[in-house]
Amino acid sequence: MQSLKNTALSTEPPALGELVDWSLRMSHKKAWLIVVLTLLIGASPLIKAETPDLGQKAPEFTLSTPEGHPLSLSEFTAKGTVVLVVLRGFPGYQCPYCQRQVHDFLMSADKFAALGAQVLLVYPGPSAELDQRAREFLAKQNPLPANLHLVIDPDYKFTNQYGLRWDAPQETAYPSTFLVNRSGMVFFRKISHSHGDRTTASDILTKLENAESNHR
């Protein structure tokens, strides 16, 4: 009889206090769920922002020239090896080390062309007037040879994608150089944590020549 009584009692509507308690518990669960989802969503860019290592595929990207013409990494790897050079761009002034490095690569443009290499220069910085800043940067270098290309990276979309953001006052990106083959794989990289520690055209030409010899 007692069990029947308990069964009968269990079919009665819950008391107001029980409803409030249940509602609070569900609210807390929803709140925790929202917190967890927010943390996961917020952390996802950090998880993805990994600098491609040797033997890894270079993430695809599309950036525009100062004149607004879009260029993609895959567009150049389809033609041959890509020399991807990440400059400091515009950290509030035109970086003299970047100017020197670009001039060095420009003077060896014919040697890069002979090896079937395209040189892609990335110029990062705040989006405001970055295209104009890039044109000023190229003022003494224009016109660029057919196998040298400069693209801008407004607000560091590419820089963050490649995990190269130098997040400090008057800094933009860590100066870096990657060699990417036709398959989109990285076979050389150098990431500098100082302004002047750059690859030279001679350094990269040697790497390209060695890579060509190894594939014969």
N, C-alpha and C. Protein backbone atom coordinates (compact mmCIF):
# COMPACT_ATOMS: atom_id res chain seq x y z
N MET A 1 0.82 -1.21 0.00
CA MET A 1 0.00 0.00 0.00
C MET A 1 0.85 1.25 0.00
N GLN A 2 1.94 1.19 0.78
CA GLN A 2 2.82 2.36 0.86
C GLN A 2 3.41 2.70 -0.50
N SER A 3 3.83 1.63 -1.26
CA SER A 3 4.43 1.88 -2.57
C SER A 3 3.42 2.47 -3.53
N LEU A 4 2.17 2.01 -3.44
CA LEU A 4 1.15 2.59 -4.30
C LEU A 4 0.92 4.04 -3.97
N LYS A 5 0.97 4.33 -2.67
CA LYS A 5 0.78 5.71 -2.23
C LYS A 5 1.89 6.60 -2.77
N ASN A 6 3.15 6.09 -2.70
CA ASN A 6 4.29 6.87 -3.20
C ASN A 6 4.17 7.10 -4.69
N THR A 7 3.71 6.03 -5.40
CA THR A 7 3.54 6.15 -6.85
C THR A 7 2.50 7.20 -7.17
N ALA A 8 1.45 7.16 -6.42
CA ALA A 8 0.39 8.15 -6.66
C ALA A 8 0.89 9.55 -6.39
N LEU A 9 1.66 9.67 -5.29
CA LEU A 9 2.20 10.99 -4.96
C LEU A 9 3.14 11.50 -6.04
N SER A 10 3.93 10.60 -6.67
CA SER A 10 4.92 11.03 -7.65
C SER A 10 4.27 11.57 -8.91
N THR A 11 3.00 11.27 -9.13
CA THR A 11 2.31 11.78 -10.32
C THR A 11 1.74 13.16 -10.10
N GLU A 12 1.81 13.66 -8.90
CA GLU A 12 1.29 15.00 -8.63
C GLU A 12 2.23 16.05 -9.20
N PRO A 13 1.72 17.22 -9.62
CA PRO A 13 2.57 18.30 -10.14
C PRO A 13 3.60 18.71 -9.09
N PRO A 14 4.83 19.04 -9.52
CA PRO A 14 5.86 19.43 -8.57
C PRO A 14 5.50 20.73 -7.85
N ALA A 15 6.02 20.83 -6.65
CA ALA A 15 5.77 22.04 -5.86
C ALA A 15 6.49 23.23 -6.48
N LEU A 16 6.05 24.43 -6.15
CA LEU A 16 6.64 25.65 -6.68
C LEU A 16 8.13 25.73 -6.37
N GLY A 17 8.50 25.32 -5.16
CA GLY A 17 9.92 25.37 -4.77
C GLY A 17 10.77 24.47 -5.64
N GLU A 18 10.22 23.27 -5.98
CA GLU A 18 10.95 22.35 -6.83
C GLU A 18 11.13 22.93 -8.23
N LEU A 19 10.10 23.60 -8.75
CA LEU A 19 10.20 24.23 -10.06
C LEU A 19 11.26 25.31 -10.09
N VAL A 20 11.30 26.13 -9.05
CA VAL A 20 12.30 27.20 -8.98
C VAL A 20 13.70 26.61 -8.93
N ASP A 21 13.85 25.54 -8.11
CA ASP A 21 15.17 24.90 -7.98
C ASP A 21 15.61 24.32 -9.33
N TRP A 22 14.68 23.66 -10.02
CA TRP A 22 14.99 23.07 -11.33
C TRP A 22 15.37 24.17 -12.34
N SER A 23 14.62 25.26 -12.31
CA SER A 23 14.89 26.36 -13.23
C SER A 23 16.27 26.97 -13.00
N LEU A 24 16.64 27.11 -11.72
CA LEU A 24 17.96 27.66 -11.40
C LEU A 24 19.07 26.75 -11.89
N ARG A 25 18.86 25.42 -11.67
CA ARG A 25 19.87 24.47 -12.12
C ARG A 25 20.06 24.53 -13.63
N MET A 26 18.96 24.60 -14.36
CA MET A 26 19.04 24.68 -15.82
C MET A 26 19.69 25.98 -16.27
N SER A 27 19.41 27.08 -15.57
CA SER A 27 20.01 28.37 -15.91
C SER A 27 21.52 28.32 -15.74
N HIS A 28 21.95 27.67 -14.64
CA HIS A 28 23.38 27.55 -14.40
C HIS A 28 24.06 26.72 -15.48
N LYS A 29 23.38 25.64 -15.90
CA LYS A 29 23.94 24.79 -16.95
C LYS A 29 24.07 25.56 -18.26
N LYS A 30 23.02 26.34 -18.58
CA LYS A 30 23.06 27.13 -19.81
C LYS A 30 24.17 28.17 -19.75
N ALA A 31 24.33 28.78 -18.56
CA ALA A 31 25.37 29.80 -18.40
C ALA A 31 26.75 29.20 -18.62
N TRP A 32 26.97 28.01 -18.02
CA TRP A 32 28.27 27.35 -18.19
C TRP A 32 28.50 26.96 -19.65
N LEU A 33 27.43 26.51 -20.31
CA LEU A 33 27.54 26.14 -21.71
C LEU A 33 27.93 27.35 -22.56
N ILE A 34 27.32 28.49 -22.28
CA ILE A 34 27.64 29.71 -23.01
C ILE A 34 29.10 30.11 -22.78
N VAL A 35 29.56 30.00 -21.53
CA VAL A 35 30.95 30.35 -21.20
C VAL A 35 31.92 29.45 -21.96
N VAL A 36 31.64 28.14 -21.96
CA VAL A 36 32.53 27.18 -22.64
C VAL A 36 32.58 27.45 -24.13
N LEU A 37 31.40 27.67 -24.73
CA LEU A 37 31.36 27.95 -26.16
C LEU A 37 32.08 29.24 -26.51
N THR A 38 31.93 30.25 -25.67
CA THR A 38 32.62 31.54 -25.90
C THR A 38 34.12 31.36 -25.86
N LEU A 39 34.60 30.58 -24.88
CA LEU A 39 36.04 30.34 -24.76
C LEU A 39 36.56 29.58 -25.96
N LEU A 40 35.80 28.59 -26.41
CA LEU A 40 36.23 27.80 -27.57
C LEU A 40 36.28 28.65 -28.83
N ILE A 41 35.24 29.47 -29.03
CA ILE A 41 35.20 30.34 -30.20
C ILE A 41 36.31 31.36 -30.14
N GLY A 42 36.54 31.94 -28.96
CA GLY A 42 37.59 32.93 -28.81
C GLY A 42 38.97 32.35 -28.99
N ALA A 43 39.12 31.09 -28.63
CA ALA A 43 40.45 30.47 -28.73
C ALA A 43 40.74 29.94 -30.11
N SER A 44 39.73 29.76 -30.95
CA SER A 44 39.95 29.13 -32.24
C SER A 44 40.95 29.86 -33.12
N PRO A 45 40.97 31.22 -33.19
CA PRO A 45 41.99 31.87 -33.99
C PRO A 45 43.39 31.59 -33.48
N LEU A 46 43.52 31.46 -32.15
CA LEU A 46 44.84 31.19 -31.59
C LEU A 46 45.30 29.79 -31.96
N ILE A 47 44.37 28.86 -31.99
CA ILE A 47 44.72 27.49 -32.34
C ILE A 47 45.17 27.42 -33.80
N LYS A 48 44.50 28.16 -34.66
CA LYS A 48 44.79 28.12 -36.08
C LYS A 48 46.05 28.93 -36.43
N ALA A 49 46.42 29.89 -35.61
CA ALA A 49 47.53 30.78 -35.94
C ALA A 49 48.87 30.10 -35.66
N GLU A 50 49.21 29.13 -36.50
CA GLU A 50 50.46 28.42 -36.36
C GLU A 50 51.34 28.71 -37.56
N THR A 51 52.59 29.04 -37.32
CA THR A 51 53.53 29.31 -38.39
C THR A 51 53.87 28.00 -39.09
N PRO A 52 53.68 27.92 -40.42
CA PRO A 52 53.97 26.67 -41.12
C PRO A 52 55.44 26.29 -40.99
N ASP A 53 55.67 25.03 -40.67
CA ASP A 53 57.01 24.52 -40.45
C ASP A 53 57.50 23.79 -41.70
N LEU A 54 58.76 23.37 -41.67
CA LEU A 54 59.33 22.63 -42.79
C LEU A 54 58.52 21.36 -43.04
N GLY A 55 58.21 21.11 -44.30
CA GLY A 55 57.44 19.92 -44.64
C GLY A 55 55.95 20.08 -44.50
N GLN A 56 55.49 21.22 -44.02
CA GLN A 56 54.06 21.48 -43.89
C GLN A 56 53.57 22.32 -45.07
N LYS A 57 52.28 22.22 -45.32
CA LYS A 57 51.68 23.00 -46.40
C LYS A 57 51.49 24.44 -45.95
N ALA A 58 51.90 25.37 -46.79
CA ALA A 58 51.71 26.78 -46.48
C ALA A 58 50.23 27.13 -46.65
N PRO A 59 49.59 27.69 -45.63
CA PRO A 59 48.17 28.04 -45.75
C PRO A 59 47.90 29.00 -46.91
N GLU A 60 46.85 28.72 -47.62
CA GLU A 60 46.45 29.57 -48.75
C GLU A 60 46.02 30.95 -48.25
N PHE A 61 46.30 31.97 -49.02
CA PHE A 61 45.85 33.33 -48.70
C PHE A 61 45.73 34.13 -49.98
N THR A 62 44.95 35.17 -49.90
CA THR A 62 44.80 36.11 -51.00
C THR A 62 44.93 37.52 -50.44
N LEU A 63 45.87 38.27 -50.97
CA LEU A 63 46.07 39.66 -50.59
C LEU A 63 46.12 40.51 -51.85
N SER A 64 45.96 41.80 -51.70
CA SER A 64 45.91 42.68 -52.86
C SER A 64 47.15 43.55 -52.96
N THR A 65 47.46 43.93 -54.18
CA THR A 65 48.53 44.90 -54.42
C THR A 65 48.05 46.27 -53.95
N PRO A 66 48.94 47.24 -53.82
CA PRO A 66 48.50 48.59 -53.43
C PRO A 66 47.47 49.18 -54.41
N GLU A 67 47.45 48.65 -55.62
CA GLU A 67 46.49 49.13 -56.62
C GLU A 67 45.16 48.37 -56.56
N GLY A 68 45.07 47.37 -55.65
CA GLY A 68 43.81 46.66 -55.47
C GLY A 68 43.67 45.38 -56.27
N HIS A 69 44.76 44.89 -56.87
CA HIS A 69 44.69 43.65 -57.64
C HIS A 69 44.95 42.46 -56.73
N PRO A 70 43.98 41.53 -56.59
CA PRO A 70 44.17 40.40 -55.67
C PRO A 70 45.13 39.36 -56.23
N LEU A 71 45.99 38.84 -55.35
CA LEU A 71 46.95 37.80 -55.71
C LEU A 71 46.87 36.69 -54.66
N SER A 72 46.91 35.44 -55.11
CA SER A 72 46.83 34.30 -54.21
C SER A 72 48.13 33.51 -54.23
N LEU A 73 48.44 32.88 -53.11
CA LEU A 73 49.64 32.05 -53.04
C LEU A 73 49.58 30.94 -54.09
N SER A 74 48.45 30.26 -54.21
CA SER A 74 48.32 29.15 -55.15
C SER A 74 48.51 29.58 -56.60
N GLU A 75 48.21 30.83 -56.88
CA GLU A 75 48.40 31.37 -58.22
C GLU A 75 49.88 31.33 -58.61
N PHE A 76 50.75 31.51 -57.61
CA PHE A 76 52.19 31.55 -57.87
C PHE A 76 52.84 30.17 -57.75
N THR A 77 52.37 29.34 -56.81
CA THR A 77 52.94 28.00 -56.69
C THR A 77 52.63 27.18 -57.94
N ALA A 78 51.56 27.53 -58.66
CA ALA A 78 51.24 26.84 -59.91
C ALA A 78 52.32 27.10 -60.97
N LYS A 79 53.06 28.18 -60.80
CA LYS A 79 54.11 28.55 -61.77
C LYS A 79 55.48 28.02 -61.38
N GLY A 80 55.69 27.79 -60.07
CA GLY A 80 57.00 27.35 -59.61
C GLY A 80 57.18 27.66 -58.14
N THR A 81 58.44 27.74 -57.73
CA THR A 81 58.75 28.01 -56.33
C THR A 81 58.40 29.46 -55.99
N VAL A 82 57.87 29.65 -54.78
CA VAL A 82 57.54 30.99 -54.30
C VAL A 82 58.49 31.36 -53.16
N VAL A 83 59.10 32.53 -53.28
CA VAL A 83 59.89 33.12 -52.20
C VAL A 83 58.96 34.10 -51.49
N LEU A 84 58.47 33.70 -50.34
CA LEU A 84 57.51 34.51 -49.59
C LEU A 84 58.26 35.30 -48.51
N VAL A 85 58.31 36.61 -48.70
CA VAL A 85 59.06 37.48 -47.79
C VAL A 85 58.09 38.37 -47.03
N VAL A 86 58.06 38.22 -45.71
CA VAL A 86 57.18 39.02 -44.86
C VAL A 86 57.99 40.17 -44.28
N LEU A 87 57.59 41.38 -44.64
CA LEU A 87 58.28 42.59 -44.19
C LEU A 87 57.65 43.12 -42.90
N ARG A 88 58.28 44.13 -42.34
CA ARG A 88 57.65 44.81 -41.20
C ARG A 88 56.58 45.77 -41.68
N GLY A 89 56.58 46.08 -42.97
CA GLY A 89 55.54 46.94 -43.52
C GLY A 89 55.62 48.35 -42.98
N PHE A 90 54.48 48.80 -42.40
CA PHE A 90 54.44 50.18 -41.89
C PHE A 90 54.13 50.17 -40.40
N PRO A 91 55.18 50.18 -39.56
CA PRO A 91 54.99 50.23 -38.10
C PRO A 91 54.90 51.68 -37.58
N GLY A 92 54.56 52.60 -38.47
CA GLY A 92 54.52 54.02 -38.13
C GLY A 92 55.57 54.80 -38.90
N TYR A 93 56.39 54.06 -39.64
CA TYR A 93 57.43 54.67 -40.47
C TYR A 93 57.88 53.62 -41.49
N GLN A 94 58.61 54.06 -42.50
CA GLN A 94 59.13 53.11 -43.48
C GLN A 94 60.40 52.48 -42.93
N CYS A 95 60.37 51.17 -42.80
CA CYS A 95 61.48 50.44 -42.19
C CYS A 95 62.69 50.41 -43.13
N PRO A 96 63.83 50.96 -42.71
CA PRO A 96 65.01 50.97 -43.58
C PRO A 96 65.56 49.57 -43.87
N TYR A 97 65.40 48.65 -42.92
CA TYR A 97 65.86 47.28 -43.15
C TYR A 97 65.03 46.61 -44.24
N CYS A 98 63.73 46.90 -44.25
CA CYS A 98 62.86 46.35 -45.29
C CYS A 98 63.23 46.92 -46.66
N GLN A 99 63.47 48.22 -46.70
CA GLN A 99 63.85 48.85 -47.96
C GLN A 99 65.14 48.24 -48.51
N ARG A 100 66.09 48.01 -47.63
CA ARG A 100 67.37 47.43 -48.04
C ARG A 100 67.17 46.01 -48.54
N GLN A 101 66.36 45.24 -47.82
CA GLN A 101 66.13 43.85 -48.20
C GLN A 101 65.42 43.76 -49.55
N VAL A 102 64.39 44.56 -49.75
CA VAL A 102 63.64 44.53 -51.01
C VAL A 102 64.54 44.95 -52.17
N HIS A 103 65.37 45.97 -51.95
CA HIS A 103 66.28 46.41 -53.01
C HIS A 103 67.25 45.29 -53.37
N ASP A 104 67.71 44.56 -52.38
CA ASP A 104 68.62 43.44 -52.60
C ASP A 104 67.96 42.36 -53.47
N PHE A 105 66.71 42.02 -53.15
CA PHE A 105 66.00 41.02 -53.94
C PHE A 105 65.71 41.53 -55.35
N LEU A 106 65.39 42.82 -55.44
CA LEU A 106 65.10 43.41 -56.75
C LEU A 106 66.32 43.34 -57.65
N MET A 107 67.50 43.59 -57.11
CA MET A 107 68.72 43.58 -57.91
C MET A 107 69.06 42.17 -58.40
N SER A 108 68.49 41.16 -57.77
CA SER A 108 68.74 39.77 -58.18
C SER A 108 67.52 39.15 -58.85
N ALA A 109 66.59 39.98 -59.30
CA ALA A 109 65.33 39.48 -59.87
C ALA A 109 65.58 38.56 -61.06
N ASP A 110 66.56 38.88 -61.89
CA ASP A 110 66.83 38.04 -63.07
C ASP A 110 67.33 36.66 -62.67
N LYS A 111 68.08 36.59 -61.58
CA LYS A 111 68.58 35.30 -61.09
C LYS A 111 67.44 34.45 -60.53
N PHE A 112 66.51 35.10 -59.84
CA PHE A 112 65.33 34.38 -59.35
C PHE A 112 64.50 33.87 -60.54
N ALA A 113 64.36 34.71 -61.57
CA ALA A 113 63.59 34.32 -62.74
C ALA A 113 64.23 33.13 -63.44
N ALA A 114 65.55 33.11 -63.49
CA ALA A 114 66.27 32.00 -64.15
C ALA A 114 66.02 30.68 -63.43
N LEU A 115 65.73 30.76 -62.13
CA LEU A 115 65.45 29.55 -61.35
C LEU A 115 63.95 29.27 -61.26
N GLY A 116 63.17 30.06 -61.99
CA GLY A 116 61.72 29.85 -62.02
C GLY A 116 61.02 30.24 -60.75
N ALA A 117 61.59 31.18 -60.00
CA ALA A 117 61.02 31.57 -58.71
C ALA A 117 60.28 32.90 -58.80
N GLN A 118 59.15 32.95 -58.12
CA GLN A 118 58.38 34.18 -57.96
C GLN A 118 58.62 34.70 -56.55
N VAL A 119 58.86 35.99 -56.41
CA VAL A 119 59.09 36.61 -55.10
C VAL A 119 57.83 37.38 -54.71
N LEU A 120 57.26 37.01 -53.58
CA LEU A 120 56.03 37.65 -53.10
C LEU A 120 56.33 38.35 -51.78
N LEU A 121 56.24 39.67 -51.79
CA LEU A 121 56.55 40.49 -50.63
C LEU A 121 55.26 40.90 -49.93
N VAL A 122 55.19 40.69 -48.62
CA VAL A 122 53.99 41.04 -47.85
C VAL A 122 54.31 42.26 -46.98
N TYR A 123 53.46 43.29 -47.12
CA TYR A 123 53.65 44.57 -46.44
C TYR A 123 52.48 44.78 -45.46
N PRO A 124 52.67 44.41 -44.17
CA PRO A 124 51.57 44.52 -43.20
C PRO A 124 51.51 45.88 -42.51
N GLY A 125 50.37 46.15 -41.90
CA GLY A 125 50.21 47.38 -41.13
C GLY A 125 48.75 47.69 -40.88
N PRO A 126 48.48 48.77 -40.13
CA PRO A 126 47.10 49.20 -39.92
C PRO A 126 46.44 49.51 -41.26
N SER A 127 45.14 49.25 -41.35
CA SER A 127 44.46 49.37 -42.64
C SER A 127 44.42 50.81 -43.18
N ALA A 128 44.39 51.80 -42.29
CA ALA A 128 44.26 53.19 -42.73
C ALA A 128 45.43 53.60 -43.62
N GLU A 129 45.12 53.85 -44.88
CA GLU A 129 46.10 54.35 -45.85
C GLU A 129 47.28 53.41 -46.07
N LEU A 130 47.09 52.12 -45.80
CA LEU A 130 48.21 51.18 -45.99
C LEU A 130 48.60 51.08 -47.46
N ASP A 131 47.61 51.15 -48.35
CA ASP A 131 47.93 51.11 -49.78
C ASP A 131 48.82 52.28 -50.18
N GLN A 132 48.53 53.45 -49.63
CA GLN A 132 49.35 54.63 -49.92
C GLN A 132 50.75 54.48 -49.33
N ARG A 133 50.83 53.95 -48.13
CA ARG A 133 52.13 53.73 -47.50
C ARG A 133 52.97 52.75 -48.31
N ALA A 134 52.32 51.73 -48.85
CA ALA A 134 53.04 50.75 -49.66
C ALA A 134 53.54 51.38 -50.96
N ARG A 135 52.75 52.25 -51.55
CA ARG A 135 53.20 52.94 -52.77
C ARG A 135 54.39 53.84 -52.47
N GLU A 136 54.35 54.47 -51.30
CA GLU A 136 55.49 55.30 -50.90
C GLU A 136 56.74 54.43 -50.71
N PHE A 137 56.54 53.24 -50.13
CA PHE A 137 57.64 52.31 -49.90
C PHE A 137 58.29 51.90 -51.22
N LEU A 138 57.46 51.74 -52.25
CA LEU A 138 57.96 51.28 -53.55
C LEU A 138 58.41 52.42 -54.47
N ALA A 139 58.30 53.64 -53.99
CA ALA A 139 58.56 54.79 -54.86
C ALA A 139 59.90 54.70 -55.58
N LYS A 140 60.93 54.25 -54.88
CA LYS A 140 62.27 54.16 -55.48
C LYS A 140 62.51 52.83 -56.17
N GLN A 141 61.56 51.89 -56.04
CA GLN A 141 61.76 50.55 -56.59
C GLN A 141 60.94 50.30 -57.86
N ASN A 142 59.91 51.10 -58.08
CA ASN A 142 59.02 50.86 -59.21
C ASN A 142 59.68 51.24 -60.53
N PRO A 143 59.32 50.54 -61.61
CA PRO A 143 58.41 49.39 -61.62
C PRO A 143 59.12 48.12 -61.16
N LEU A 144 58.38 47.26 -60.46
CA LEU A 144 58.96 46.00 -60.02
C LEU A 144 59.14 45.06 -61.21
N PRO A 145 60.17 44.23 -61.19
CA PRO A 145 60.31 43.21 -62.24
C PRO A 145 59.09 42.29 -62.26
N ALA A 146 58.89 41.60 -63.36
CA ALA A 146 57.68 40.79 -63.55
C ALA A 146 57.54 39.67 -62.53
N ASN A 147 58.64 39.23 -61.95
CA ASN A 147 58.57 38.11 -60.99
C ASN A 147 58.66 38.56 -59.54
N LEU A 148 58.57 39.87 -59.29
CA LEU A 148 58.50 40.41 -57.93
C LEU A 148 57.15 41.09 -57.74
N HIS A 149 56.49 40.77 -56.63
CA HIS A 149 55.15 41.30 -56.38
C HIS A 149 55.05 41.73 -54.92
N LEU A 150 54.42 42.87 -54.68
CA LEU A 150 54.20 43.33 -53.31
C LEU A 150 52.71 43.41 -53.06
N VAL A 151 52.28 42.81 -51.94
CA VAL A 151 50.87 42.86 -51.53
C VAL A 151 50.79 43.43 -50.12
N ILE A 152 49.67 44.02 -49.81
CA ILE A 152 49.50 44.62 -48.49
C ILE A 152 48.64 43.71 -47.61
N ASP A 153 48.88 43.80 -46.31
CA ASP A 153 48.17 42.98 -45.32
C ASP A 153 47.51 43.91 -44.30
N PRO A 154 46.35 44.49 -44.66
CA PRO A 154 45.67 45.44 -43.76
C PRO A 154 45.19 44.75 -42.48
N ASP A 155 45.53 45.36 -41.35
CA ASP A 155 45.09 44.86 -40.04
C ASP A 155 45.55 43.43 -39.75
N TYR A 156 46.60 42.99 -40.43
CA TYR A 156 47.34 41.77 -40.05
C TYR A 156 46.55 40.47 -40.22
N LYS A 157 45.67 40.40 -41.19
CA LYS A 157 44.92 39.16 -41.40
C LYS A 157 45.88 38.02 -41.75
N PHE A 158 46.73 38.23 -42.74
CA PHE A 158 47.71 37.20 -43.11
C PHE A 158 48.72 36.98 -41.99
N THR A 159 49.21 38.08 -41.41
CA THR A 159 50.22 37.99 -40.35
C THR A 159 49.73 37.13 -39.19
N ASN A 160 48.48 37.31 -38.80
CA ASN A 160 47.91 36.49 -37.73
C ASN A 160 47.69 35.06 -38.19
N GLN A 161 47.27 34.88 -39.42
CA GLN A 161 47.04 33.54 -39.96
C GLN A 161 48.32 32.70 -39.91
N TYR A 162 49.46 33.35 -40.17
CA TYR A 162 50.74 32.65 -40.18
C TYR A 162 51.46 32.72 -38.83
N GLY A 163 50.80 33.26 -37.82
CA GLY A 163 51.38 33.31 -36.48
C GLY A 163 52.62 34.17 -36.39
N LEU A 164 52.65 35.28 -37.14
CA LEU A 164 53.84 36.12 -37.22
C LEU A 164 53.64 37.50 -36.61
N ARG A 165 52.54 37.69 -35.91
CA ARG A 165 52.26 39.03 -35.36
C ARG A 165 53.25 39.39 -34.26
N TRP A 166 53.93 40.51 -34.45
CA TRP A 166 54.84 41.07 -33.45
C TRP A 166 54.03 42.12 -32.70
N ASP A 167 53.39 41.70 -31.65
CA ASP A 167 52.41 42.54 -30.96
C ASP A 167 53.09 43.38 -29.88
N ALA A 168 53.68 44.49 -30.31
CA ALA A 168 54.36 45.42 -29.42
C ALA A 168 54.27 46.81 -30.03
N PRO A 169 54.47 47.86 -29.23
CA PRO A 169 54.41 49.21 -29.79
C PRO A 169 55.35 49.38 -30.97
N GLN A 170 54.84 50.00 -32.03
CA GLN A 170 55.59 50.26 -33.27
C GLN A 170 56.17 48.98 -33.87
N GLU A 171 55.41 47.89 -33.77
CA GLU A 171 55.79 46.64 -34.43
C GLU A 171 54.59 46.13 -35.21
N THR A 172 54.87 45.27 -36.17
CA THR A 172 53.81 44.72 -37.03
C THR A 172 53.94 43.20 -37.12
N ALA A 173 54.95 42.75 -37.86
CA ALA A 173 55.18 41.32 -38.06
C ALA A 173 56.65 40.99 -37.86
N TYR A 174 56.92 39.74 -37.50
CA TYR A 174 58.30 39.28 -37.44
C TYR A 174 58.81 39.13 -38.87
N PRO A 175 59.90 39.77 -39.22
CA PRO A 175 60.44 39.63 -40.58
C PRO A 175 60.74 38.16 -40.86
N SER A 176 60.20 37.64 -41.94
CA SER A 176 60.29 36.21 -42.19
C SER A 176 60.44 35.93 -43.68
N THR A 177 61.00 34.77 -43.97
CA THR A 177 61.11 34.30 -45.35
C THR A 177 60.76 32.81 -45.40
N PHE A 178 59.93 32.43 -46.36
CA PHE A 178 59.56 31.04 -46.58
C PHE A 178 59.82 30.69 -48.04
N LEU A 179 60.27 29.48 -48.28
CA LEU A 179 60.34 28.95 -49.64
C LEU A 179 59.27 27.88 -49.75
N VAL A 180 58.39 28.05 -50.75
CA VAL A 180 57.24 27.16 -50.93
C VAL A 180 57.32 26.55 -52.32
N ASN A 181 57.27 25.23 -52.40
CA ASN A 181 57.40 24.58 -53.70
C ASN A 181 56.07 24.50 -54.45
N ARG A 182 56.10 23.86 -55.61
CA ARG A 182 54.90 23.77 -56.45
C ARG A 182 53.74 23.07 -55.76
N SER A 183 54.07 22.18 -54.84
CA SER A 183 53.02 21.45 -54.11
C SER A 183 52.49 22.24 -52.92
N GLY A 184 53.03 23.45 -52.72
CA GLY A 184 52.58 24.28 -51.60
C GLY A 184 53.26 23.95 -50.29
N MET A 185 54.32 23.13 -50.33
CA MET A 185 55.01 22.71 -49.12
C MET A 185 56.19 23.64 -48.81
N VAL A 186 56.37 23.93 -47.53
CA VAL A 186 57.48 24.78 -47.08
C VAL A 186 58.75 23.94 -47.00
N PHE A 187 59.82 24.37 -47.70
CA PHE A 187 61.08 23.63 -47.59
C PHE A 187 62.23 24.49 -47.04
N PHE A 188 61.90 25.73 -46.69
CA PHE A 188 62.85 26.60 -45.97
C PHE A 188 62.04 27.68 -45.28
N ARG A 189 62.50 28.05 -44.08
CA ARG A 189 61.88 29.20 -43.42
C ARG A 189 62.89 29.85 -42.48
N LYS A 190 62.75 31.14 -42.36
CA LYS A 190 63.53 31.88 -41.37
C LYS A 190 62.62 32.94 -40.78
N ILE A 191 62.51 32.96 -39.45
CA ILE A 191 61.69 33.93 -38.74
C ILE A 191 62.60 34.71 -37.80
N SER A 192 62.66 36.01 -37.99
CA SER A 192 63.57 36.84 -37.21
C SER A 192 62.79 37.57 -36.12
N HIS A 193 63.41 37.67 -34.95
CA HIS A 193 62.82 38.43 -33.85
C HIS A 193 63.58 39.73 -33.60
N SER A 194 64.29 40.17 -34.63
CA SER A 194 64.95 41.48 -34.58
C SER A 194 64.78 42.15 -35.93
N HIS A 195 64.99 43.45 -35.97
CA HIS A 195 64.74 44.20 -37.20
C HIS A 195 65.71 43.86 -38.33
N GLY A 196 66.97 43.69 -37.98
CA GLY A 196 68.00 43.60 -39.02
C GLY A 196 68.38 42.20 -39.45
N ASP A 197 67.90 41.18 -38.76
CA ASP A 197 68.29 39.81 -39.07
C ASP A 197 67.43 39.29 -40.22
N ARG A 198 67.87 39.55 -41.45
CA ARG A 198 67.08 39.22 -42.64
C ARG A 198 67.81 38.22 -43.54
N THR A 199 67.00 37.52 -44.34
CA THR A 199 67.61 36.73 -45.40
C THR A 199 68.08 37.69 -46.50
N THR A 200 69.13 37.30 -47.19
CA THR A 200 69.60 38.08 -48.33
C THR A 200 69.23 37.33 -49.61
N ALA A 201 69.28 38.04 -50.72
CA ALA A 201 69.01 37.39 -52.00
C ALA A 201 70.00 36.26 -52.24
N SER A 202 71.24 36.47 -51.86
CA SER A 202 72.27 35.44 -52.03
C SER A 202 71.93 34.18 -51.23
N ASP A 203 71.47 34.36 -49.98
CA ASP A 203 71.06 33.23 -49.14
C ASP A 203 70.00 32.38 -49.85
N ILE A 204 68.99 33.06 -50.34
CA ILE A 204 67.84 32.35 -50.92
C ILE A 204 68.18 31.74 -52.27
N LEU A 205 68.98 32.41 -53.06
CA LEU A 205 69.40 31.84 -54.34
C LEU A 205 70.18 30.54 -54.13
N THR A 206 71.01 30.51 -53.09
CA THR A 206 71.76 29.29 -52.77
C THR A 206 70.81 28.16 -52.39
N LYS A 207 69.78 28.48 -51.58
CA LYS A 207 68.80 27.47 -51.19
C LYS A 207 68.05 26.94 -52.42
N LEU A 208 67.70 27.83 -53.32
CA LEU A 208 66.98 27.43 -54.53
C LEU A 208 67.84 26.56 -55.43
N GLU A 209 69.10 26.94 -55.58
CA GLU A 209 70.02 26.16 -56.41
C GLU A 209 70.23 24.77 -55.82
N ASN A 210 70.36 24.70 -54.50
CA ASN A 210 70.53 23.40 -53.86
C ASN A 210 69.30 22.52 -54.03
N ALA A 211 68.13 23.14 -53.89
CA ALA A 211 66.88 22.39 -54.06
C ALA A 211 66.75 21.87 -55.49
N GLU A 212 67.15 22.69 -56.46
CA GLU A 212 67.09 22.28 -57.87
C GLU A 212 68.04 21.12 -58.14
N SER A 213 69.24 21.19 -57.56
CA SER A 213 70.23 20.12 -57.73
C SER A 213 69.74 18.81 -57.14
N ASN A 214 69.07 18.88 -56.00
CA ASN A 214 68.57 17.67 -55.34
C ASN A 214 67.46 16.98 -56.11
N HIS A 215 66.80 17.72 -57.00
CA HIS A 215 65.68 17.15 -57.75
C HIS A 215 66.09 16.69 -59.15
N ARG A 216 67.36 16.81 -59.45
CA ARG A 216 67.82 16.36 -60.77
C ARG A 216 68.05 14.85 -60.77
